Structures are given as structure tokens and as C-alpha cells.
N, C-alpha and C. Protein backbone atom coordinates (compact mmCIF):
# COMPACT_ATOMS: atom_id res chain seq x y z
N MET A 1 148.26 83.09 43.05
CA MET A 1 149.53 82.91 43.57
C MET A 1 149.75 84.54 44.24
N PRO A 2 149.66 84.46 45.33
CA PRO A 2 149.80 86.36 45.68
C PRO A 2 151.29 86.73 46.04
N GLY A 3 152.10 85.77 45.85
CA GLY A 3 153.21 86.57 45.73
C GLY A 3 153.90 86.77 47.66
N TRP A 4 154.86 87.79 47.78
CA TRP A 4 155.46 88.02 48.71
C TRP A 4 154.62 89.18 49.46
N LEU A 5 154.19 89.89 48.75
CA LEU A 5 153.08 91.00 49.53
C LEU A 5 151.68 90.31 50.05
N GLY A 6 151.31 89.66 49.02
CA GLY A 6 149.94 88.76 49.87
C GLY A 6 148.90 89.41 48.90
N ASN A 7 149.63 89.89 47.63
CA ASN A 7 148.50 90.40 46.59
C ASN A 7 149.37 91.14 45.74
N HIS A 8 148.55 91.44 44.66
CA HIS A 8 149.52 92.01 43.36
C HIS A 8 148.56 92.80 42.99
N PHE A 9 147.69 93.62 43.74
CA PHE A 9 146.90 94.57 43.10
C PHE A 9 147.31 95.86 43.38
N VAL A 10 147.88 96.66 42.41
CA VAL A 10 148.47 98.14 42.22
C VAL A 10 147.37 99.30 42.78
N THR A 11 147.72 100.10 43.84
CA THR A 11 146.41 100.62 44.11
C THR A 11 147.17 102.38 43.78
N GLN A 12 148.19 102.34 43.61
CA GLN A 12 148.70 103.91 43.54
C GLN A 12 149.55 103.66 42.52
N ILE A 13 150.08 104.83 41.93
CA ILE A 13 151.13 105.19 41.17
C ILE A 13 151.91 106.67 41.69
N GLY A 14 152.88 106.64 42.16
CA GLY A 14 153.37 107.67 42.35
C GLY A 14 154.32 108.66 41.64
N ILE A 15 154.37 109.71 41.15
CA ILE A 15 155.01 110.65 40.26
C ILE A 15 155.52 111.65 40.67
N LEU A 16 156.73 111.79 40.68
CA LEU A 16 157.80 113.34 41.05
C LEU A 16 157.53 114.30 39.93
N VAL A 17 157.23 115.43 40.62
CA VAL A 17 157.50 116.61 39.98
C VAL A 17 157.96 117.48 40.46
N ASN A 18 158.55 118.78 40.07
CA ASN A 18 159.09 119.99 40.08
C ASN A 18 157.64 120.99 40.86
N ASP A 19 156.53 120.66 40.07
CA ASP A 19 155.86 122.09 40.68
C ASP A 19 154.32 121.43 40.50
N VAL A 20 153.82 120.82 41.72
CA VAL A 20 152.81 120.27 41.89
C VAL A 20 151.78 120.83 41.25
N GLU A 21 151.67 122.52 41.87
CA GLU A 21 150.31 122.80 41.42
C GLU A 21 150.08 122.84 39.99
N LYS A 22 151.19 123.28 38.89
CA LYS A 22 151.11 123.63 37.53
C LYS A 22 150.69 121.99 36.86
N VAL A 23 151.43 120.85 37.83
CA VAL A 23 151.20 119.09 37.02
C VAL A 23 149.85 118.97 37.47
N SER A 24 149.32 119.30 38.61
CA SER A 24 147.97 118.67 38.84
C SER A 24 146.94 119.24 37.77
N THR A 25 147.24 120.62 37.82
CA THR A 25 146.28 121.23 36.73
C THR A 25 146.66 120.99 35.69
N ALA A 26 147.07 120.14 34.98
CA ALA A 26 147.80 119.89 33.68
C ALA A 26 146.87 118.43 33.81
N TYR A 27 147.03 117.56 34.91
CA TYR A 27 146.37 116.29 34.80
C TYR A 27 144.93 116.36 34.89
N ALA A 28 144.31 117.52 35.82
CA ALA A 28 142.96 118.01 35.66
C ALA A 28 142.62 118.15 34.41
N GLU A 29 143.30 119.02 33.63
CA GLU A 29 142.63 119.19 32.29
C GLU A 29 142.60 118.12 31.46
N PHE A 30 143.70 117.44 31.19
CA PHE A 30 143.72 116.19 30.65
C PHE A 30 142.83 115.32 30.48
N PHE A 31 142.74 114.69 32.00
CA PHE A 31 141.21 113.66 32.17
C PHE A 31 139.73 114.30 32.32
N GLY A 32 140.07 115.93 32.68
CA GLY A 32 138.69 116.36 32.76
C GLY A 32 138.58 115.79 34.21
N LEU A 33 138.90 116.14 35.10
CA LEU A 33 138.72 116.14 36.33
C LEU A 33 139.08 117.12 37.23
N GLU A 34 138.50 117.03 38.59
CA GLU A 34 138.62 118.41 39.61
C GLU A 34 139.94 118.33 39.80
N LYS A 35 140.19 119.90 40.08
CA LYS A 35 141.38 119.13 40.34
C LYS A 35 141.99 119.36 41.98
N PRO A 36 142.55 118.62 42.32
CA PRO A 36 142.64 118.08 44.01
C PRO A 36 143.23 118.77 44.79
N ARG A 37 142.90 119.27 46.17
CA ARG A 37 143.43 119.97 47.02
C ARG A 37 145.03 119.59 46.83
N ILE A 38 145.82 120.40 47.46
CA ILE A 38 147.15 120.54 47.48
C ILE A 38 147.35 120.29 49.00
N ILE A 39 148.27 118.99 49.40
CA ILE A 39 148.38 118.96 50.89
C ILE A 39 149.97 118.70 51.40
N VAL A 40 150.13 119.02 52.82
CA VAL A 40 151.59 118.69 52.83
C VAL A 40 151.86 117.69 53.73
N THR A 41 152.87 116.95 53.37
CA THR A 41 153.05 116.02 54.25
C THR A 41 153.25 116.29 55.77
N ASP A 42 152.88 115.39 56.92
CA ASP A 42 152.80 115.70 58.40
C ASP A 42 154.60 116.15 58.56
N THR A 43 154.74 117.07 59.62
CA THR A 43 155.99 117.22 60.35
C THR A 43 156.80 115.89 60.78
N GLU A 44 158.13 116.16 60.91
CA GLU A 44 158.72 114.56 61.23
C GLU A 44 158.39 114.32 62.34
N ASP A 45 158.06 115.19 63.70
CA ASP A 45 157.44 114.48 64.81
C ASP A 45 156.44 113.69 64.57
N GLN A 46 155.29 113.92 63.77
CA GLN A 46 154.48 113.13 63.32
C GLN A 46 154.43 111.95 62.72
N ALA A 47 155.02 112.30 61.39
CA ALA A 47 155.34 111.17 60.59
C ALA A 47 156.33 110.36 61.11
N GLN A 48 157.08 110.82 61.77
CA GLN A 48 158.47 109.90 62.30
C GLN A 48 159.15 108.98 60.92
N THR A 49 159.22 110.05 60.01
CA THR A 49 160.02 109.77 58.27
C THR A 49 161.67 109.47 58.80
N ARG A 50 161.81 108.06 58.40
CA ARG A 50 163.33 107.69 58.34
C ARG A 50 163.56 107.53 56.81
N TYR A 51 164.59 108.08 56.25
CA TYR A 51 165.31 108.00 55.12
C TYR A 51 166.66 106.91 55.08
N ASN A 52 166.92 105.98 54.80
CA ASN A 52 167.79 105.03 54.97
C ASN A 52 168.26 105.12 56.58
N GLY A 53 167.41 104.73 57.13
CA GLY A 53 168.00 104.39 58.53
C GLY A 53 167.98 105.64 59.38
N GLU A 54 167.92 107.17 58.69
CA GLU A 54 167.94 108.00 59.61
C GLU A 54 167.04 109.15 59.65
N ALA A 55 166.88 109.46 60.65
CA ALA A 55 165.69 110.71 61.08
C ALA A 55 165.78 111.57 59.97
N THR A 56 164.48 112.19 58.98
CA THR A 56 164.48 113.26 58.46
C THR A 56 163.02 114.48 58.59
N VAL A 57 163.35 115.71 58.45
CA VAL A 57 162.72 116.48 58.32
C VAL A 57 162.12 116.88 56.93
N ALA A 58 162.61 116.10 56.36
CA ALA A 58 161.73 115.84 54.91
C ALA A 58 160.28 116.10 54.77
N ARG A 59 159.77 116.82 53.68
CA ARG A 59 158.25 116.90 53.80
C ARG A 59 158.02 117.16 52.19
N GLY A 60 156.74 116.88 51.62
CA GLY A 60 156.72 116.90 50.11
C GLY A 60 155.16 117.53 50.02
N LYS A 61 154.75 118.08 49.12
CA LYS A 61 153.54 118.81 48.41
C LYS A 61 152.62 117.48 47.85
N LEU A 62 151.69 117.06 48.17
CA LEU A 62 151.06 115.69 47.45
C LEU A 62 149.35 116.43 47.00
N ALA A 63 149.65 115.76 45.35
CA ALA A 63 148.08 115.97 44.88
C ALA A 63 147.50 114.47 44.74
N PHE A 64 146.50 114.21 44.90
CA PHE A 64 145.72 112.71 44.47
C PHE A 64 144.86 112.73 43.60
N PHE A 65 144.43 111.71 42.93
CA PHE A 65 143.67 111.52 41.78
C PHE A 65 143.21 109.98 41.56
N ASP A 66 141.92 110.20 42.30
CA ASP A 66 141.29 108.61 42.14
C ASP A 66 140.78 108.26 40.57
N MET A 67 141.57 107.54 40.31
CA MET A 67 141.18 107.24 38.87
C MET A 67 140.69 105.81 38.49
N GLY A 68 139.39 105.40 39.22
CA GLY A 68 138.57 104.01 39.44
C GLY A 68 139.59 103.31 40.67
N SER A 69 139.89 102.10 40.19
CA SER A 69 140.69 101.47 41.04
C SER A 69 142.16 101.51 41.35
N LEU A 70 142.54 102.99 40.59
CA LEU A 70 144.02 103.35 41.04
C LEU A 70 144.20 104.79 41.55
N GLN A 71 145.23 105.29 42.16
CA GLN A 71 144.90 106.16 42.46
C GLN A 71 146.62 106.92 41.81
N LEU A 72 146.43 108.34 41.47
CA LEU A 72 147.64 108.85 41.15
C LEU A 72 148.13 109.61 42.08
N GLU A 73 149.44 109.86 42.67
CA GLU A 73 150.06 110.82 43.77
C GLU A 73 151.23 111.41 42.91
N LEU A 74 150.80 112.61 43.02
CA LEU A 74 151.75 113.86 42.17
C LEU A 74 152.64 114.39 43.91
N ILE A 75 154.14 114.18 43.48
CA ILE A 75 154.51 114.45 44.80
C ILE A 75 155.87 115.52 44.41
N GLU A 76 155.93 116.77 45.24
CA GLU A 76 156.40 117.67 44.94
C GLU A 76 157.60 117.85 46.15
N PRO A 77 158.48 117.14 46.35
CA PRO A 77 159.48 117.01 47.46
C PRO A 77 160.18 118.57 47.71
N ASP A 78 160.37 118.57 49.30
CA ASP A 78 161.16 119.84 49.41
C ASP A 78 162.59 119.15 48.93
N GLN A 79 163.59 120.23 49.76
CA GLN A 79 164.83 119.99 49.58
C GLN A 79 165.59 118.98 50.44
N GLN A 80 165.05 118.71 51.50
CA GLN A 80 165.31 117.79 52.36
C GLN A 80 165.73 116.11 52.15
N PRO A 81 166.77 115.37 52.54
CA PRO A 81 166.82 114.35 52.31
C PRO A 81 165.55 113.31 52.34
N SER A 82 165.66 112.77 51.20
CA SER A 82 164.03 111.23 50.97
C SER A 82 164.36 110.96 49.57
N THR A 83 163.62 110.00 49.90
CA THR A 83 163.74 109.17 48.68
C THR A 83 163.35 110.31 47.45
N TRP A 84 162.52 110.68 47.59
CA TRP A 84 161.75 111.76 46.63
C TRP A 84 162.78 112.58 46.11
N ARG A 85 163.72 113.31 47.02
CA ARG A 85 164.49 114.37 46.76
C ARG A 85 165.51 113.45 45.88
N ASP A 86 166.09 112.45 46.27
CA ASP A 86 166.92 111.55 45.95
C ASP A 86 166.93 111.49 44.42
N TYR A 87 165.48 110.39 44.16
CA TYR A 87 164.83 109.93 42.95
C TYR A 87 164.82 111.40 42.04
N LEU A 88 164.52 112.55 42.23
CA LEU A 88 163.95 113.18 41.46
C LEU A 88 165.24 114.35 40.81
N ASN A 89 166.45 114.37 41.53
CA ASN A 89 167.75 114.98 41.15
C ASN A 89 168.41 113.67 40.45
N GLU A 90 168.30 112.27 40.89
CA GLU A 90 168.77 111.47 39.79
C GLU A 90 168.36 111.28 38.61
N HIS A 91 167.23 110.92 38.53
CA HIS A 91 166.02 110.51 37.29
C HIS A 91 165.39 111.85 36.66
N GLY A 92 165.15 112.63 37.54
CA GLY A 92 164.01 113.78 36.81
C GLY A 92 162.39 113.55 37.00
N GLU A 93 161.90 114.39 36.99
CA GLU A 93 160.16 114.11 36.91
C GLU A 93 159.89 113.05 36.24
N GLY A 94 158.75 112.32 36.81
CA GLY A 94 158.05 111.10 36.26
C GLY A 94 157.95 110.09 37.27
N PRO A 95 157.82 108.60 36.90
CA PRO A 95 156.85 107.75 37.84
C PRO A 95 158.67 107.10 38.94
N HIS A 96 157.97 107.28 39.99
CA HIS A 96 158.78 106.71 41.13
C HIS A 96 158.22 105.73 41.88
N HIS A 97 156.82 105.53 42.20
CA HIS A 97 156.57 104.20 42.99
C HIS A 97 155.32 103.71 42.28
N ILE A 98 155.35 102.37 42.72
CA ILE A 98 153.85 101.70 42.43
C ILE A 98 153.77 101.20 43.80
N ALA A 99 152.21 101.37 44.22
CA ALA A 99 152.06 101.19 45.72
C ALA A 99 150.87 99.90 45.49
N PHE A 100 151.42 99.18 46.85
CA PHE A 100 150.30 98.13 47.44
C PHE A 100 149.60 98.34 48.71
N VAL A 101 148.58 97.71 49.13
CA VAL A 101 148.42 97.62 50.19
C VAL A 101 148.67 96.33 50.75
N VAL A 102 149.25 96.56 52.29
CA VAL A 102 149.58 95.10 52.70
C VAL A 102 149.13 95.02 54.01
N GLU A 103 149.31 93.66 54.98
CA GLU A 103 149.02 93.65 56.11
C GLU A 103 150.17 93.42 56.25
N GLY A 104 150.69 93.30 57.80
CA GLY A 104 151.80 93.05 58.57
C GLY A 104 152.91 93.54 58.04
N MET A 105 153.05 94.86 58.00
CA MET A 105 154.02 96.11 57.14
C MET A 105 155.69 95.40 57.70
N LYS A 106 155.88 95.44 58.96
CA LYS A 106 157.00 94.92 59.58
C LYS A 106 157.36 93.62 58.99
N GLU A 107 156.50 92.29 59.26
CA GLU A 107 156.95 91.16 58.53
C GLU A 107 157.10 91.14 56.71
N LYS A 108 156.52 92.44 56.32
CA LYS A 108 156.80 92.33 54.98
C LYS A 108 158.10 92.99 54.80
N ILE A 109 158.64 93.89 55.12
CA ILE A 109 159.93 94.40 55.21
C ILE A 109 160.68 93.68 55.34
N MET A 110 160.70 92.74 56.27
CA MET A 110 161.99 92.11 56.60
C MET A 110 161.72 90.93 55.72
N LEU A 111 160.63 90.34 55.22
CA LEU A 111 161.02 89.29 54.27
C LEU A 111 161.66 90.27 52.52
N LEU A 112 161.14 91.56 52.38
CA LEU A 112 161.87 92.10 51.40
C LEU A 112 162.73 92.12 51.31
N GLU A 113 163.81 92.79 52.65
CA GLU A 113 164.91 93.08 52.90
C GLU A 113 165.31 91.53 53.00
N GLY A 114 165.14 90.34 53.27
CA GLY A 114 165.57 88.93 53.08
C GLY A 114 165.86 88.71 51.84
N LYS A 115 165.16 89.28 50.93
CA LYS A 115 165.15 88.99 49.21
C LYS A 115 166.32 89.98 49.14
N GLY A 116 166.89 91.06 49.37
CA GLY A 116 167.74 91.85 48.81
C GLY A 116 167.06 92.97 48.27
N PHE A 117 165.75 93.54 48.91
CA PHE A 117 165.36 95.02 48.53
C PHE A 117 165.24 95.56 49.96
N PRO A 118 166.31 96.34 49.87
CA PRO A 118 166.30 97.24 51.58
C PRO A 118 165.69 98.35 51.25
N LEU A 119 164.86 98.44 53.03
CA LEU A 119 164.22 99.53 53.20
C LEU A 119 164.44 100.60 52.81
N GLN A 120 163.79 101.75 52.14
CA GLN A 120 164.32 102.99 51.70
C GLN A 120 164.39 104.26 52.71
N GLN A 121 162.62 104.31 53.10
CA GLN A 121 162.28 105.02 53.63
C GLN A 121 160.73 104.97 54.07
N LYS A 122 160.45 105.63 55.13
CA LYS A 122 159.41 104.76 55.78
C LYS A 122 158.81 105.80 56.64
N GLY A 123 157.41 106.04 57.33
CA GLY A 123 156.71 106.90 57.56
C GLY A 123 155.38 106.85 58.43
N GLU A 124 154.62 107.32 59.22
CA GLU A 124 153.43 107.25 59.64
C GLU A 124 152.81 108.77 58.98
N TYR A 125 151.51 108.28 58.76
CA TYR A 125 150.22 109.01 58.41
C TYR A 125 149.00 108.52 59.32
N THR A 126 148.49 109.64 59.46
CA THR A 126 146.84 109.54 60.02
C THR A 126 146.23 108.30 59.79
N GLY A 127 146.09 107.31 59.90
CA GLY A 127 145.39 105.92 59.76
C GLY A 127 146.36 104.92 58.99
N GLY A 128 147.47 104.96 59.09
CA GLY A 128 148.48 104.01 59.03
C GLY A 128 150.05 104.36 58.52
N ARG A 129 150.67 103.74 57.78
CA ARG A 129 152.03 103.84 57.22
C ARG A 129 152.39 103.40 56.21
N TYR A 130 153.50 103.93 55.74
CA TYR A 130 154.25 103.55 54.41
C TYR A 130 155.79 102.99 54.45
N ALA A 131 156.24 102.38 53.72
CA ALA A 131 157.45 101.92 53.21
C ALA A 131 157.86 101.72 51.91
N TYR A 132 159.10 102.33 51.74
CA TYR A 132 159.18 102.71 50.48
C TYR A 132 160.48 101.79 50.25
N MET A 133 160.46 100.06 49.62
CA MET A 133 161.73 99.39 49.29
C MET A 133 162.27 99.80 48.06
N ASP A 134 163.57 99.45 47.95
CA ASP A 134 164.22 99.86 46.91
C ASP A 134 164.64 98.34 45.95
N THR A 135 163.50 98.63 45.41
CA THR A 135 163.35 97.12 44.27
C THR A 135 163.95 97.87 43.23
N PHE A 136 164.39 99.14 42.59
CA PHE A 136 164.56 99.71 41.33
C PHE A 136 165.33 98.68 40.84
N LYS A 137 166.85 98.18 40.99
CA LYS A 137 167.32 97.57 40.43
C LYS A 137 167.16 96.29 39.63
N GLU A 138 165.93 95.62 40.46
CA GLU A 138 165.29 94.72 39.58
C GLU A 138 164.01 94.56 38.91
N LEU A 139 163.17 95.77 39.84
CA LEU A 139 161.94 96.25 39.01
C LEU A 139 161.97 97.18 37.89
N LYS A 140 162.91 98.14 38.30
CA LYS A 140 162.84 99.31 37.69
C LYS A 140 162.00 100.58 38.36
N VAL A 141 161.52 100.13 39.25
CA VAL A 141 160.47 101.01 39.88
C VAL A 141 160.67 100.83 41.35
N ILE A 142 160.39 101.66 42.31
CA ILE A 142 160.37 102.01 43.83
C ILE A 142 159.01 100.82 44.29
N VAL A 143 158.85 99.72 45.02
CA VAL A 143 157.66 99.45 45.48
C VAL A 143 157.38 99.97 47.26
N GLU A 144 155.91 100.94 46.99
CA GLU A 144 155.73 101.20 48.25
C GLU A 144 154.51 100.38 49.13
N LEU A 145 154.91 99.93 49.98
CA LEU A 145 153.92 99.54 50.92
C LEU A 145 153.15 100.22 51.50
N LEU A 146 151.83 99.98 51.83
CA LEU A 146 150.81 100.87 52.87
C LEU A 146 150.28 99.88 53.58
N GLU A 147 150.30 100.27 54.68
CA GLU A 147 149.25 99.46 55.83
C GLU A 147 147.75 100.22 56.39
N ASN A 148 147.25 100.19 56.25
CA ASN A 148 146.14 100.86 56.99
C ASN A 148 145.63 100.43 58.16
N ASP A 149 145.53 101.22 59.43
CA ASP A 149 144.96 100.70 60.62
C ASP A 149 143.52 100.30 60.37
N LYS A 150 143.16 99.04 60.98
CA LYS A 150 141.91 98.43 60.55
C LYS A 150 140.69 99.28 61.11
N ASP A 151 140.70 100.10 62.21
CA ASP A 151 139.97 100.89 62.53
C ASP A 151 139.43 101.99 61.42
N LYS A 152 140.52 102.36 60.79
CA LYS A 152 140.49 103.15 59.54
C LYS A 152 139.96 102.61 58.62
N ASP A 153 140.03 101.55 58.23
CA ASP A 153 139.68 100.68 56.93
C ASP A 153 138.04 101.27 56.26
N LYS A 154 137.10 101.53 57.54
CA LYS A 154 136.16 102.09 56.71
C LYS A 154 135.59 103.03 56.11
N ASP A 155 136.51 103.94 57.25
CA ASP A 155 136.46 105.06 56.21
C ASP A 155 137.64 105.55 55.23
N LYS A 156 138.81 104.85 54.90
CA LYS A 156 139.76 104.89 54.05
C LYS A 156 139.12 104.83 52.52
N ASP A 157 137.97 104.42 51.63
CA ASP A 157 137.60 104.75 50.71
C ASP A 157 136.63 105.99 50.45
N LYS A 158 136.22 106.65 51.39
CA LYS A 158 135.70 107.95 51.25
C LYS A 158 136.55 108.92 50.90
N ASP A 159 137.54 109.29 51.71
CA ASP A 159 138.96 109.95 51.05
C ASP A 159 140.19 109.63 51.50
N LYS A 160 141.10 108.88 50.75
CA LYS A 160 142.37 108.26 50.90
C LYS A 160 143.43 109.79 51.61
N ASP A 161 143.42 110.63 50.26
CA ASP A 161 144.17 111.50 51.41
C ASP A 161 143.93 112.28 51.65
N LYS A 162 142.61 112.35 52.68
CA LYS A 162 142.09 112.92 53.64
C LYS A 162 142.88 113.68 54.73
N ASP A 163 143.69 112.48 55.22
CA ASP A 163 144.25 112.69 56.49
C ASP A 163 145.88 112.43 56.54
N LYS A 164 146.36 112.81 54.75
CA LYS A 164 148.02 112.66 55.04
C LYS A 164 148.84 113.87 55.27
N GLY A 165 148.14 115.14 55.44
CA GLY A 165 149.00 116.04 55.83
C GLY A 165 148.13 117.39 56.10
N GLU A 166 148.47 118.41 55.72
CA GLU A 166 147.43 119.31 56.38
C GLU A 166 147.62 120.18 54.84
N ASP A 167 146.71 120.99 54.62
CA ASP A 167 146.74 121.78 53.38
C ASP A 167 147.36 122.62 53.14
N VAL A 168 147.63 123.18 51.76
CA VAL A 168 148.71 123.85 51.54
C VAL A 168 147.81 125.38 51.59
């Protein structure tokens, strides 16, 4: 049974941190992996980021670890209003979201909102878009929806994080 999202395969776990450089070094050492490059999310004019229905200039530093079928995303938010900043201020460092690749982002958002899970934040990245749904009360974690553009699907496995922002 595919459920409301059309699949039940977790593709990413997002973890909020205060210092992405320090924490990415710790993860690299712990797992014996190469430390990934740190990138900064796109500016608001490119990302079209909206938080709780309002435009926001919020950005974050990101590091991605590909762990087989799952990706770990470390997120260091700036001080601007965002799901990342508010969650980090309220809960401290740690897990923020689990992500699922979906098709039909607008329809999935409408479906989840109709089930009582409001859209918290959404934005664009080169090759697709994301949406954070406020599922915390019921699921104890935020659910992120990821939709990749069809023509980008062939290249997404080469480097999922390559086009999500600029290098630090």
C-alpha cells in the first residue's frame, strides 16, 4: 500500500546543527567517509522560499552524506525566519525531517493539508522543489517532500546535492 505520498521509501534524513563544518567533520571521521563540500542554499529570488506562507530570505549551509540508499543532510540555518531556525531554536540540534521523493508536489501538498498537515516551508532548487509539511504533532518529525524535474532524473543520482546552492 503506497499511502498518501505514493511511496514509503525514506530518501533523506535532515539534521539541524549549529556548526556544519564541525559536525560534517565528525560524521566523516565516524563513518570513514570523505568530508563533503559545504554549500549555501540559493538566494530568495532563485529559491522562491516561503515560510508559513510568507516570502523569506532564509538560507542555510548544507552538507550531504550519501549512505547507500539514504542521504544524510546536515543543515546550519542562518538567523532569518525558517523551519530550520525555528526548529533549532525550539528543539536544539538533532533530527529535523525525513524526506520522500514524490510526483505531483502540488497535489501531495493539498492532500496532506486536507489531512491536517499544513505546509510549513517550500522552495525551489536547480532541478526540483521541496516542501516541509508540519507532521510533528502526529509523527514526531517533519516530513519533507522532494520533487525532481523529469529531465533532471537521469542526472540526480550522479550528485544529488550538486545543484542545490553555491559552495561556501
